[in-house]
C-alpha atoms as a PDB file:
ATOM      1  CA  MET A   1      96.543 -82.817  62.315  1.00  0.00           C
ATOM      2  CA  ARG A   2      99.316 -84.211  59.729  1.00  0.00           C
ATOM      3  CA  ASP A   3      97.919 -87.500  59.812  1.00  0.00           C
ATOM      4  CA  ASP A   4      94.794 -86.144  58.639  1.00  0.00           C
ATOM      5  CA  LEU A   5      96.140 -84.332  56.020  1.00  0.00           C
ATOM      6  CA  ASP A   6      97.760 -87.396  54.416  1.00  0.00           C
ATOM      7  CA  GLN A   7      95.033 -89.377  54.962  1.00  0.00           C
ATOM      8  CA  GLN A   8      93.093 -86.953  52.797  1.00  0.00           C
ATOM      9  CA  LEU A   9      95.726 -86.806  50.171  1.00  0.00           C
ATOM     10  CA  ASP A  10      95.838 -90.516  49.817  1.00  0.00           C
ATOM     11  CA  ASP A  11      92.157 -90.709  49.565  1.00  0.00           C
ATOM     12  CA  PHE A  12      92.152 -87.994  46.630  1.00  0.00           C
ATOM     13  CA  GLY A  13      94.735 -90.172  44.873  1.00  0.00           C
ATOM     14  CA  THR A  14      92.723 -93.257  45.222  1.00  0.00           C
ATOM     15  CA  SER A  15      89.418 -91.566  43.810  1.00  0.00           C
ATOM     16  CA  MET A  16      90.765 -90.350  40.796  1.00  0.00           C
ATOM     17  CA  PRO A  17      89.900 -92.283  37.703  1.00  0.00           C
ATOM     18  CA  ALA A  18      92.344 -94.131  35.798  1.00  0.00           C
ATOM     19  CA  ILE A  19      93.991 -91.940  32.872  1.00  0.00           C
ATOM     20  CA  ASP A  20      94.835 -93.462  29.382  1.00  0.00           C
ATOM     21  CA  TRP A  21      97.974 -91.495  28.389  1.00  0.00           C
ATOM     22  CA  ALA A  22      98.458 -91.089  24.638  1.00  0.00           C
ATOM     23  CA  SER A  23     101.394 -92.668  22.877  1.00  0.00           C
ATOM     24  CA  PRO A  24     104.219 -90.412  21.418  1.00  0.00           C
ATOM     25  CA  THR A  25     103.008 -90.703  17.725  1.00  0.00           C
ATOM     26  CA  GLU A  26      99.582 -89.453  18.934  1.00  0.00           C
ATOM     27  CA  ILE A  27     101.277 -86.414  20.949  1.00  0.00           C
ATOM     28  CA  ARG A  28     103.376 -85.581  18.082  1.00  0.00           C
ATOM     29  CA  LYS A  29     100.028 -85.212  15.416  1.00  0.00           C
ATOM     30  CA  ARG A  30      98.400 -83.199  18.234  1.00  0.00           C
ATOM     31  CA  GLY A  31     101.211 -80.727  18.327  1.00  0.00           C
ATOM     32  CA  ASP A  32     101.316 -80.306  14.684  1.00  0.00           C
ATOM     33  CA  ARG A  33      97.643 -79.685  14.485  1.00  0.00           C
ATOM     34  CA  ARG A  34      97.907 -76.986  17.101  1.00  0.00           C
ATOM     35  CA  ARG A  35     100.618 -75.149  14.958  1.00  0.00           C
ATOM     36  CA  GLN A  36      98.765 -75.085  12.036  1.00  0.00           C
ATOM     37  CA  ARG A  37      95.753 -73.569  13.739  1.00  0.00           C
ATOM     38  CA  HIS A  38      97.993 -70.956  15.466  1.00  0.00           C
ATOM     39  CA  THR A  39      99.654 -70.063  12.257  1.00  0.00           C
ATOM     40  CA  ALA A  40      96.393 -69.824  10.542  1.00  0.00           C
ATOM     41  CA  GLY A  41      95.069 -67.547  13.348  1.00  0.00           C
ATOM     42  CA  LEU A  42      98.113 -65.291  13.042  1.00  0.00           C
ATOM     43  CA  THR A  43      97.640 -65.013   9.016  1.00  0.00           C
ATOM     44  CA  ALA A  44      94.159 -64.086   9.450  1.00  0.00           C
ATOM     45  CA  ALA A  45      94.601 -61.131  12.024  1.00  0.00           C
ATOM     46  CA  VAL A  46      97.574 -59.844   9.919  1.00  0.00           C
ATOM     47  CA  VAL A  47      95.241 -59.665   6.796  1.00  0.00           C
ATOM     48  CA  LEU A  48      92.578 -58.137   8.865  1.00  0.00           C
ATOM     49  CA  VAL A  49      94.583 -55.508  10.344  1.00  0.00           C
ATOM     50  CA  VAL A  50      96.056 -54.616   6.780  1.00  0.00           C
ATOM     51  CA  ALA A  51      92.800 -54.438   5.345  1.00  0.00           C
ATOM     52  CA  LEU A  52      91.419 -52.255   7.864  1.00  0.00           C
ATOM     53  CA  ALA A  53      93.937 -49.502   7.492  1.00  0.00           C
ATOM     54  CA  ALA A  54      93.444 -49.566   3.793  1.00  0.00           C
ATOM     55  CA  GLY A  55      89.775 -48.751   4.420  1.00  0.00           C
ATOM     56  CA  THR A  56      88.440 -52.196   2.572  1.00  0.00           C
ATOM     57  CA  ALA A  57      86.175 -54.624   4.121  1.00  0.00           C
ATOM     58  CA  VAL A  58      87.822 -58.175   3.964  1.00  0.00           C
ATOM     59  CA  THR A  59      86.415 -61.726   4.543  1.00  0.00           C
ATOM     60  CA  VAL A  60      88.481 -64.094   5.370  1.00  0.00           C
ATOM     61  CA  THR A  61      87.829 -67.908   5.216  1.00  0.00           C
ATOM     62  CA  GLN A  62      89.821 -70.967   5.824  1.00  0.00           C
ATOM     63  CA  GLY A  63      90.008 -73.738   3.801  1.00  0.00           C
ATOM     64  CA  ARG A  64      91.175 -77.570   4.345  1.00  0.00           C
ATOM     65  CA  GLY A  65      94.526 -77.901   5.678  1.00  0.00           C
ATOM     66  CA  GLY A  66      94.456 -74.669   7.256  1.00  0.00           C
ATOM     67  CA  GLN A  67      94.898 -72.350   4.150  1.00  0.00           C
ATOM     68  CA  VAL A  68      93.442 -68.821   4.953  1.00  0.00           C
ATOM     69  CA  THR A  69      91.837 -66.790   1.888  1.00  0.00           C
ATOM     70  CA  PRO A  70      91.175 -63.124   2.249  1.00  0.00           C
ATOM     71  CA  GLY A  71      88.448 -61.823  -0.217  1.00  0.00           C
ATOM     72  CA  VAL A  72      87.823 -58.378  -0.685  1.00  0.00           C
ATOM     73  CA  SER A  73      84.335 -57.423  -0.891  1.00  0.00           C
ATOM     74  CA  GLY A  74      84.505 -53.755  -2.125  1.00  0.00           C
ATOM     75  CA  SER A  75      84.850 -50.451  -0.746  1.00  0.00           C
ATOM     76  CA  ALA A  76      83.218 -50.610   2.515  1.00  0.00           C
ATOM     77  CA  THR A  77      81.722 -47.633   4.564  1.00  0.00           C
ATOM     78  CA  PRO A  78      84.131 -47.108   7.345  1.00  0.00           C
ATOM     79  CA  SER A  79      82.761 -48.252  10.536  1.00  0.00           C
ATOM     80  CA  ALA A  80      82.218 -46.244  13.653  1.00  0.00           C
ATOM     81  CA  SER A  81      84.438 -46.942  16.604  1.00  0.00           C
ATOM     82  CA  ALA A  82      85.042 -50.363  17.281  1.00  0.00           C
ATOM     83  CA  ALA A  83      84.140 -50.236  20.836  1.00  0.00           C
ATOM     84  CA  PRO A  84      80.777 -51.218  21.803  1.00  0.00           C
ATOM     85  CA  SER A  85      78.388 -48.180  21.931  1.00  0.00           C
ATOM     86  CA  LEU A  86      75.833 -48.250  24.970  1.00  0.00           C
ATOM     87  CA  SER A  87      72.235 -47.745  24.016  1.00  0.00           C
ATOM     88  CA  PRO A  88      71.220 -44.694  25.857  1.00  0.00           C
ATOM     89  CA  SER A  89      68.683 -45.255  27.984  1.00  0.00           C
ATOM     90  CA  PRO A  90      65.194 -43.621  27.280  1.00  0.00           C
ATOM     91  CA  SER A  91      65.592 -40.100  28.452  1.00  0.00           C
ATOM     92  CA  ALA A  92      62.964 -38.629  31.036  1.00  0.00           C
ATOM     93  CA  SER A  93      60.357 -36.889  29.623  1.00  0.00           C
ATOM     94  CA  PRO A  94      60.740 -33.084  30.256  1.00  0.00           C
ATOM     95  CA  SER A  95      58.387 -31.811  32.954  1.00  0.00           C
ATOM     96  CA  PRO A  96      55.731 -29.657  31.937  1.00  0.00           C
ATOM     97  CA  SER A  97      56.671 -26.119  31.674  1.00  0.00           C
ATOM     98  CA  THR A  98      56.264 -23.940  34.738  1.00  0.00           C
ATOM     99  CA  SER A  99      55.656 -20.678  32.828  1.00  0.00           C
ATOM    100  CA  PRO A 100      53.986 -17.970  35.100  1.00  0.00           C
ATOM    101  CA  SER A 101      50.344 -18.019  34.242  1.00  0.00           C
ATOM    102  CA  ALA A 102      48.771 -14.831  33.024  1.00  0.00           C
ATOM    103  CA  SER A 103      47.835 -12.403  35.535  1.00  0.00           C
ATOM    104  CA  ALA A 104      44.492 -12.232  36.803  1.00  0.00           C
ATOM    105  CA  PRO A 105      42.410  -9.355  35.508  1.00  0.00           C
ATOM    106  CA  PRO A 106      42.133  -6.086  38.245  1.00  0.00           C
ATOM    107  CA  ALA A 107      39.451  -6.620  40.673  1.00  0.00           C
ATOM    108  CA  VAL A 108      36.107  -4.754  40.170  1.00  0.00           C
ATOM    109  CA  LEU A 109      35.435  -3.340  43.561  1.00  0.00           C
ATOM    110  CA  THR A 110      31.951  -3.050  44.945  1.00  0.00           C
ATOM    111  CA  SER A 111      32.885  -0.194  47.614  1.00  0.00           C
ATOM    112  CA  ILE A 112      36.016   2.063  48.223  1.00  0.00           C
ATOM    113  CA  PRO A 113      36.959   1.727  51.982  1.00  0.00           C
ATOM    114  CA  VAL A 114      38.280   4.702  53.915  1.00  0.00           C
ATOM    115  CA  ALA A 115      41.556   3.227  54.305  1.00  0.00           C
ATOM    116  CA  ALA A 116      42.056   3.747  50.433  1.00  0.00           C
ATOM    117  CA  MET A 117      41.780   7.415  50.757  1.00  0.00           C
ATOM    118  CA  LEU A 118      44.623  10.085  51.597  1.00  0.00           C
ATOM    119  CA  LYS A 119      45.796  10.877  54.871  1.00  0.00           C
ATOM    120  CA  PRO A 120      46.924  14.434  55.751  1.00  0.00           C
ATOM    121  CA  GLU A 121      50.753  13.199  56.239  1.00  0.00           C
ATOM    122  CA  ASP A 122      50.573  11.732  52.740  1.00  0.00           C
ATOM    123  CA  TYR A 123      50.504  15.716  51.581  1.00  0.00           C
ATOM    124  CA  ALA A 124      51.893  18.025  53.775  1.00  0.00           C
ATOM    125  CA  SER A 125      51.872  18.856  57.681  1.00  0.00           C
ATOM    126  CA  GLY A 126      49.376  21.265  59.032  1.00  0.00           C
ATOM    127  CA  TYR A 127      46.356  19.448  56.881  1.00  0.00           C
ATOM    128  CA  ARG A 128      43.692  17.642  58.312  1.00  0.00           C
ATOM    129  CA  VAL A 129      40.812  15.614  56.958  1.00  0.00           C
ATOM    130  CA  THR A 130      37.787  17.710  56.933  1.00  0.00           C
ATOM    131  CA  THR A 131      34.045  18.244  55.681  1.00  0.00           C
ATOM    132  CA  GLU A 132      34.081  21.725  55.088  1.00  0.00           C
ATOM    133  CA  ASP A 133      33.841  22.828  51.279  1.00  0.00           C
ATOM    134  CA  GLU A 134      35.449  25.754  50.222  1.00  0.00           C
ATOM    135  CA  MET A 135      33.350  27.193  47.504  1.00  0.00           C
ATOM    136  CA  GLY A 136      35.979  27.732  44.820  1.00  0.00           C
ATOM    137  CA  GLU A 137      36.275  27.709  41.241  1.00  0.00           C
ATOM    138  CA  SER A 138      35.713  24.696  39.226  1.00  0.00           C
ATOM    139  CA  TYR A 139      37.321  23.555  36.137  1.00  0.00           C
ATOM    140  CA  GLY A 140      34.009  22.081  34.937  1.00  0.00           C
ATOM    141  CA  PHE A 141      32.844  25.590  34.177  1.00  0.00           C
ATOM    142  CA  ASP A 142      35.632  26.214  31.786  1.00  0.00           C
ATOM    143  CA  MET A 143      35.060  22.953  30.266  1.00  0.00           C
ATOM    144  CA  GLN A 144      31.272  23.596  29.830  1.00  0.00           C
ATOM    145  CA  ILE A 145      32.247  27.042  27.893  1.00  0.00           C
ATOM    146  CA  CYS A 146      34.705  25.105  25.544  1.00  0.00           C
ATOM    147  CA  LEU A 147      31.723  22.691  24.609  1.00  0.00           C
ATOM    148  CA  ASP A 148      29.026  25.518  24.285  1.00  0.00           C
ATOM    149  CA  THR A 149      31.300  27.306  21.921  1.00  0.00           C
ATOM    150  CA  ASP A 150      31.970  24.141  19.803  1.00  0.00           C
ATOM    151  CA  GLN A 151      35.634  23.894  20.387  1.00  0.00           C
ATOM    152  CA  TRP A 152      35.136  20.487  21.757  1.00  0.00           C
ATOM    153  CA  ASP A 153      32.647  18.159  20.641  1.00  0.00           C
ATOM    154  CA  GLY A 154      32.847  15.880  23.790  1.00  0.00           C
ATOM    155  CA  LYS A 155      34.343  12.884  21.986  1.00  0.00           C
ATOM    156  CA  PRO A 156      35.200  10.020  22.855  1.00  0.00           C
ATOM    157  CA  GLU A 157      32.300  10.047  25.474  1.00  0.00           C
ATOM    158  CA  ALA A 158      33.262   8.864  28.801  1.00  0.00           C
ATOM    159  CA  PRO A 159      31.075   5.917  30.459  1.00  0.00           C
ATOM    160  CA  ASP A 160      28.612   6.963  33.054  1.00  0.00           C
ATOM    161  CA  THR A 161      30.109   7.148  36.534  1.00  0.00           C
ATOM    162  CA  VAL A 162      26.852   8.288  38.678  1.00  0.00           C
ATOM    163  CA  ASP A 163      26.185   4.652  39.594  1.00  0.00           C
ATOM    164  CA  ARG A 164      29.597   3.359  40.396  1.00  0.00           C
ATOM    165  CA  PRO A 165      30.966   3.125  43.943  1.00  0.00           C
ATOM    166  CA  ARG A 166      33.206   6.192  44.926  1.00  0.00           C
ATOM    167  CA  ARG A 167      34.458   8.261  47.883  1.00  0.00           C
ATOM    168  CA  ASN A 168      35.682  11.664  48.305  1.00  0.00           C
ATOM    169  CA  ARG A 169      37.879  13.367  50.800  1.00  0.00           C
ATOM    170  CA  ARG A 170      39.185  16.805  51.520  1.00  0.00           C
ATOM    171  CA  LEU A 171      42.241  17.518  53.327  1.00  0.00           C
ATOM    172  CA  GLY A 172      42.497  21.430  54.264  1.00  0.00           C
ATOM    173  CA  ALA A 173      44.654  23.628  55.996  1.00  0.00           C
ATOM    174  CA  ASP A 174      43.484  27.228  57.654  1.00  0.00           C
ATOM    175  CA  GLY A 175      44.083  29.811  54.829  1.00  0.00           C
ATOM    176  CA  ARG A 176      46.222  27.291  52.530  1.00  0.00           C
ATOM    177  CA  GLY A 177      43.069  25.958  50.391  1.00  0.00           C
ATOM    178  CA  GLN A 178      41.895  22.286  50.099  1.00  0.00           C
ATOM    179  CA  LEU A 179      42.800  19.217  48.407  1.00  0.00           C
ATOM    180  CA  ARG A 180      40.279  17.287  47.138  1.00  0.00           C
ATOM    181  CA  GLN A 181      40.262  13.912  45.838  1.00  0.00           C
ATOM    182  CA  ASP A 182      37.702  11.391  44.394  1.00  0.00           C
ATOM    183  CA  VAL A 183      38.062   7.877  43.842  1.00  0.00           C
ATOM    184  CA  VAL A 184      35.483   5.860  41.623  1.00  0.00           C
ATOM    185  CA  ALA A 185      35.377   2.301  40.820  1.00  0.00           C
ATOM    186  CA  MET A 186      34.571   1.724  36.986  1.00  0.00           C
ATOM    187  CA  ARG A 187      32.983  -1.538  35.688  1.00  0.00           C
ATOM    188  CA  SER A 188      36.442  -2.665  33.824  1.00  0.00           C
ATOM    189  CA  VAL A 189      39.523  -1.770  32.651  1.00  0.00           C
ATOM    190  CA  SER A 190      38.417  -0.330  29.678  1.00  0.00           C
ATOM    191  CA  SER A 191      35.953   1.714  31.154  1.00  0.00           C
ATOM    192  CA  ALA A 192      38.444   3.180  33.391  1.00  0.00           C
ATOM    193  CA  LYS A 193      40.626   3.867  30.193  1.00  0.00           C
ATOM    194  CA  ALA A 194      37.598   5.626  28.644  1.00  0.00           C
ATOM    195  CA  VAL A 195      37.002   7.995  31.398  1.00  0.00           C
ATOM    196  CA  LEU A 196      41.003   9.284  31.148  1.00  0.00           C
ATOM    197  CA  LYS A 197      40.722   9.363  27.400  1.00  0.00           C
ATOM    198  CA  HIS A 198      37.720  11.616  27.878  1.00  0.00           C
ATOM    199  CA  SER A 199      39.148  13.924  30.182  1.00  0.00           C
ATOM    200  CA  ARG A 200      42.670  14.126  28.490  1.00  0.00           C
ATOM    201  CA  THR A 201      41.154  14.665  24.956  1.00  0.00           C
ATOM    202  CA  GLY A 202      38.970  17.576  26.708  1.00  0.00           C
ATOM    203  CA  PHE A 203      41.925  19.402  28.012  1.00  0.00           C
ATOM    204  CA  GLU A 204      43.905  19.159  24.585  1.00  0.00           C
ATOM    205  CA  LYS A 205      40.972  20.365  22.584  1.00  0.00           C
ATOM    206  CA  CYS A 206      40.217  23.267  25.164  1.00  0.00           C
ATOM    207  CA  ALA A 207      43.886  24.266  26.060  1.00  0.00           C
ATOM    208  CA  MET A 208      42.762  27.932  25.509  1.00  0.00           C
ATOM    209  CA  ILE A 209      39.482  29.048  26.194  1.00  0.00           C
ATOM    210  CA  GLN A 210      37.758  32.533  25.693  1.00  0.00           C
ATOM    211  CA  ALA A 211      34.884  33.026  27.949  1.00  0.00           C
ATOM    212  CA  PRO A 212      31.979  35.179  26.787  1.00  0.00           C
ATOM    213  CA  GLU A 213      32.872  37.891  29.174  1.00  0.00           C
ATOM    214  CA  GLY A 214      36.560  38.158  27.772  1.00  0.00           C
ATOM    215  CA  ARG A 215      38.180  35.970  30.616  1.00  0.00           C
ATOM    216  CA  ARG A 216      40.417  33.791  29.364  1.00  0.00           C
ATOM    217  CA  ARG A 217      41.817  30.248  30.616  1.00  0.00           C
ATOM    218  CA  ALA A 218      44.269  27.622  29.510  1.00  0.00           C
ATOM    219  CA  PHE A 219      44.728  24.045  30.265  1.00  0.00           C
ATOM    220  CA  GLU A 220      48.287  22.345  29.781  1.00  0.00           C
ATOM    221  CA  ILE A 221      49.373  18.929  30.527  1.00  0.00           C
ATOM    222  CA  VAL A 222      52.669  19.377  32.215  1.00  0.00           C
ATOM    223  CA  ALA A 223      53.230  15.708  33.443  1.00  0.00           C
ATOM    224  CA  GLN A 224      52.179  12.217  32.371  1.00  0.00           C
ATOM    225  CA  ASP A 225      53.055   8.275  33.629  1.00  0.00           C
ATOM    226  CA  PHE A 226      54.158   9.075  36.973  1.00  0.00           C
ATOM    227  CA  ALA A 227      51.678   6.910  39.044  1.00  0.00           C
ATOM    228  CA  GLY A 228      49.569   4.000  38.821  1.00  0.00           C
ATOM    229  CA  ASP A 229      48.766   2.314  35.295  1.00  0.00           C
ATOM    230  CA  GLU A 230      48.256   5.735  33.527  1.00  0.00           C
ATOM    231  CA  SER A 231      48.257   9.174  34.712  1.00  0.00           C
ATOM    232  CA  PHE A 232      48.524  13.027  33.668  1.00  0.00           C
ATOM    233  CA  MET A 233      48.735  16.469  35.446  1.00  0.00           C
ATOM    234  CA  VAL A 234      47.112  19.300  34.108  1.00  0.00           C
ATOM    235  CA  GLN A 235      47.706  23.153  35.078  1.00  0.00           C
ATOM    236  CA  TRP A 236      44.886  25.104  35.141  1.00  0.00           C
ATOM    237  CA  SER A 237      45.762  28.525  34.260  1.00  0.00           C
ATOM    238  CA  THR A 238      47.080  30.124  37.539  1.00  0.00           C
ATOM    239  CA  VAL A 239      44.320  28.339  39.583  1.00  0.00           C
ATOM    240  CA  GLN A 240      45.663  24.872  40.485  1.00  0.00           C
ATOM    241  CA  LEU A 241      47.163  21.445  39.480  1.00  0.00           C
ATOM    242  CA  LEU A 242      44.760  18.892  38.516  1.00  0.00           C
ATOM    243  CA  VAL A 243      45.867  15.179  38.276  1.00  0.00           C
ATOM    244  CA  PHE A 244      44.139  12.030  36.759  1.00  0.00           C
ATOM    245  CA  ILE A 245      45.041   8.384  37.559  1.00  0.00           C
ATOM    246  CA  ARG A 246      43.909   5.231  36.602  1.00  0.00           C
ATOM    247  CA  VAL A 247      44.750   1.832  38.764  1.00  0.00           C
ATOM    248  CA  GLY A 248      43.480  -1.116  37.043  1.00  0.00           C
ATOM    249  CA  THR A 249      39.461  -0.459  37.148  1.00  0.00           C
ATOM    250  CA  VAL A 250      39.649   2.714  39.698  1.00  0.00           C
ATOM    251  CA  VAL A 251      39.925   6.095  38.453  1.00  0.00           C
ATOM    252  CA  ILE A 252      41.538   8.735  40.932  1.00  0.00           C
ATOM    253  CA  THR A 253      41.445  12.547  40.892  1.00  0.00           C
ATOM    254  CA  LEU A 254      43.100  15.330  42.602  1.00  0.00           C
ATOM    255  CA  SER A 255      42.454  18.616  42.986  1.00  0.00           C
ATOM    256  CA  MET A 256      45.338  20.436  44.335  1.00  0.00           C
ATOM    257  CA  PRO A 257      45.581  23.395  46.791  1.00  0.00           C
ATOM    258  CA  PRO A 258      46.797  26.955  44.661  1.00  0.00           C
ATOM    259  CA  ASP A 259      50.069  26.442  46.112  1.00  0.00           C
ATOM    260  CA  ALA A 260      50.694  22.814  45.266  1.00  0.00           C
ATOM    261  CA  LYS A 261      53.871  22.498  42.937  1.00  0.00           C
ATOM    262  CA  VAL A 262      54.385  19.776  40.396  1.00  0.00           C
ATOM    263  CA  ALA A 263      56.933  17.773  42.599  1.00  0.00           C
ATOM    264  CA  THR A 264      55.086  17.776  45.891  1.00  0.00           C
ATOM    265  CA  THR A 265      51.578  16.898  43.514  1.00  0.00           C
ATOM    266  CA  THR A 266      53.683  14.199  41.983  1.00  0.00           C
ATOM    267  CA  GLU A 267      54.464  12.541  45.314  1.00  0.00           C
ATOM    268  CA  THR A 268      51.000  13.019  46.784  1.00  0.00           C
ATOM    269  CA  ALA A 269      49.820  11.205  43.435  1.00  0.00           C
ATOM    270  CA  LYS A 270      52.049   8.166  44.234  1.00  0.00           C
ATOM    271  CA  ASN A 271      50.857   8.235  47.920  1.00  0.00           C
ATOM    272  CA  ALA A 272      47.148   8.116  46.799  1.00  0.00           C
ATOM    273  CA  VAL A 273      48.009   5.108  44.416  1.00  0.00           C
ATOM    274  CA  GLN A 274      49.875   3.224  47.504  1.00  0.00           C
ATOM    275  CA  ARG A 275      46.782   3.720  49.820  1.00  0.00           C
ATOM    276  CA  LEU A 276      44.385   2.402  47.152  1.00  0.00           C
ATOM    277  CA  CYS A 277      46.653  -0.841  46.394  1.00  0.00           C
ATOM    278  CA  ASP A 278      47.123  -1.575  50.244  1.00  0.00           C
ATOM    279  CA  ALA A 279      43.511  -1.375  51.090  1.00  0.00           C
ATOM    280  CA  THR A 280      41.949  -2.888  47.999  1.00  0.00           C
ATOM    281  CA  ALA A 281      42.615  -5.961  45.784  1.00  0.00           C
ATOM    282  CA  VAL A 282      42.886  -3.714  42.650  1.00  0.00           C
ATOM    283  CA  CYS A 283      46.797  -3.476  42.440  1.00  0.00           C
END
């Protein structure tokens, strides 16, 4: 192995081209030229540093024989950092906004399913679904007296509900009266609102009624906005509580038993809304 290495070194030496060495005089001249270039470079660097520190732009030129001439070009605007700036890569276009779309309008029901109606447990124990109709008083008679005596002109008018899908239910208990529920599906939210507006205005205009035979009746709004999209509760003299609720395009009316209290009636109204929402797409 040693012999091989020696042989390679010998071959390397023999393959080298002949070198023409410079004379001592030429070597001294080359050294002088290197020193002149080195001195000129140092001088230019010093001038540039001083100029930058003074905030002045300087042009450095080198003449013949290595002479360096700094030239002032006037006041210069300070440059930004000498460090090379990296051009920012194009930012990705922001993705389209994912804002929630506008909610769809409430559904217009073509029928009222049985499941959308109150169940006995939604009101009180001891009640059951019944088809019997107890012949009690109706607030409609008093409202008609109010109209006949020009206490109210019936405006704003309510849209017709005769041809609209509807369902009613009665919950009864022996000797405790009945809870009557009526649910009607209107053609639009605006028509459902008009029904409640008409009814509420009537109760406000007919707050006190004097019947021809001397009987006095009163309507008082005792609560509002406790269920559905809008709602109000009316105390009809000492007879009963009445509830009017709008849920989207649907109107719910409750006529409570004589012994019903405001708190119990409020909970029953909320239960009626929940039944409707669970059984239909109106909510």
